[in-house]
Amino acid sequence: MPGKVIKGERFQIGEVWQSPRGFLYKVVDVAGKEAVLRMGTHGLGRKTKRWVDAISGWSLYVEEE
């Protein structure tokens, strides 16, 4: 039985992540073990796929107020 998912432990729909190279990606879909990410905070850029738990070097992005 899987445990509770902690925020920042894997890609989840609606989150914005910063890649190790400094680019921002929004998670637009999660299908099985694959997450679909789109470049930019609004998710309008190019599309890429990653494993949902492949977050090594990535960090959650929080906009400054």
Protein backbone atom coordinates (compact mmCIF):
# COMPACT_ATOMS: atom_id res chain seq x y z
CA MET A 1 0.00 0.00 0.00
CA PRO A 2 1.61 3.29 -1.09
CA GLY A 3 2.23 5.92 1.55
CA LYS A 4 1.05 9.50 1.52
CA VAL A 5 2.69 11.63 -1.21
CA ILE A 6 4.60 14.56 0.27
CA LYS A 7 4.57 17.81 -1.72
CA GLY A 8 7.73 17.96 -3.79
CA GLU A 9 8.30 14.20 -3.73
CA ARG A 10 7.03 13.67 -7.30
CA PHE A 11 5.51 15.67 -10.16
CA GLN A 12 1.81 16.45 -9.61
CA ILE A 13 -0.65 18.24 -11.92
CA GLY A 14 -0.63 22.03 -11.56
CA GLU A 15 2.81 22.33 -9.93
CA VAL A 16 5.57 24.47 -11.43
CA TRP A 17 9.11 23.07 -11.18
CA GLN A 18 12.52 24.56 -11.87
CA SER A 19 14.88 22.27 -13.77
CA PRO A 20 18.57 21.89 -12.87
CA ARG A 21 19.37 24.25 -15.79
CA GLY A 22 17.02 26.95 -14.44
CA PHE A 23 14.08 26.54 -16.83
CA LEU A 24 10.51 26.51 -15.48
CA TYR A 25 8.06 23.73 -16.34
CA LYS A 26 4.39 23.28 -15.42
CA VAL A 27 2.99 19.77 -14.90
CA VAL A 28 -0.06 19.50 -17.17
CA ASP A 29 -0.78 15.76 -17.03
CA VAL A 30 0.21 12.59 -15.20
CA ALA A 31 -0.48 9.28 -16.95
CA GLY A 32 0.65 6.20 -15.07
CA LYS A 33 4.31 6.71 -14.19
CA GLU A 34 4.89 9.50 -16.75
CA ALA A 35 4.37 13.22 -16.21
CA VAL A 36 3.82 15.63 -19.10
CA LEU A 37 5.56 18.97 -18.50
CA ARG A 38 5.23 22.16 -20.54
CA MET A 39 7.80 24.92 -20.50
CA GLY A 40 6.86 28.15 -18.69
CA THR A 41 4.83 29.01 -15.60
CA HIS A 42 1.59 28.97 -17.65
CA GLY A 43 2.42 25.72 -19.43
CA LEU A 44 2.24 27.15 -22.95
CA GLY A 45 5.73 26.20 -24.18
CA ARG A 46 7.21 23.04 -25.60
CA LYS A 47 6.15 19.68 -24.20
CA THR A 48 8.39 17.09 -22.52
CA LYS A 49 7.83 13.84 -20.60
CA ARG A 50 9.56 12.62 -17.45
CA TRP A 51 9.02 9.83 -14.94
CA VAL A 52 6.84 11.15 -12.09
CA ASP A 53 9.51 10.41 -9.48
CA ALA A 54 12.52 11.69 -11.51
CA ILE A 55 12.96 14.90 -9.52
CA SER A 56 16.68 14.69 -8.78
CA GLY A 57 18.07 18.22 -9.10
CA TRP A 58 14.61 19.74 -9.65
CA SER A 59 12.92 22.10 -7.18
CA LEU A 60 9.37 23.33 -6.70
CA TYR A 61 8.96 26.92 -7.91
CA VAL A 62 7.09 29.43 -5.76
CA GLU A 63 6.36 32.90 -7.14
CA GLU A 64 7.41 35.83 -4.99
CA GLU A 65 4.56 38.08 -3.89
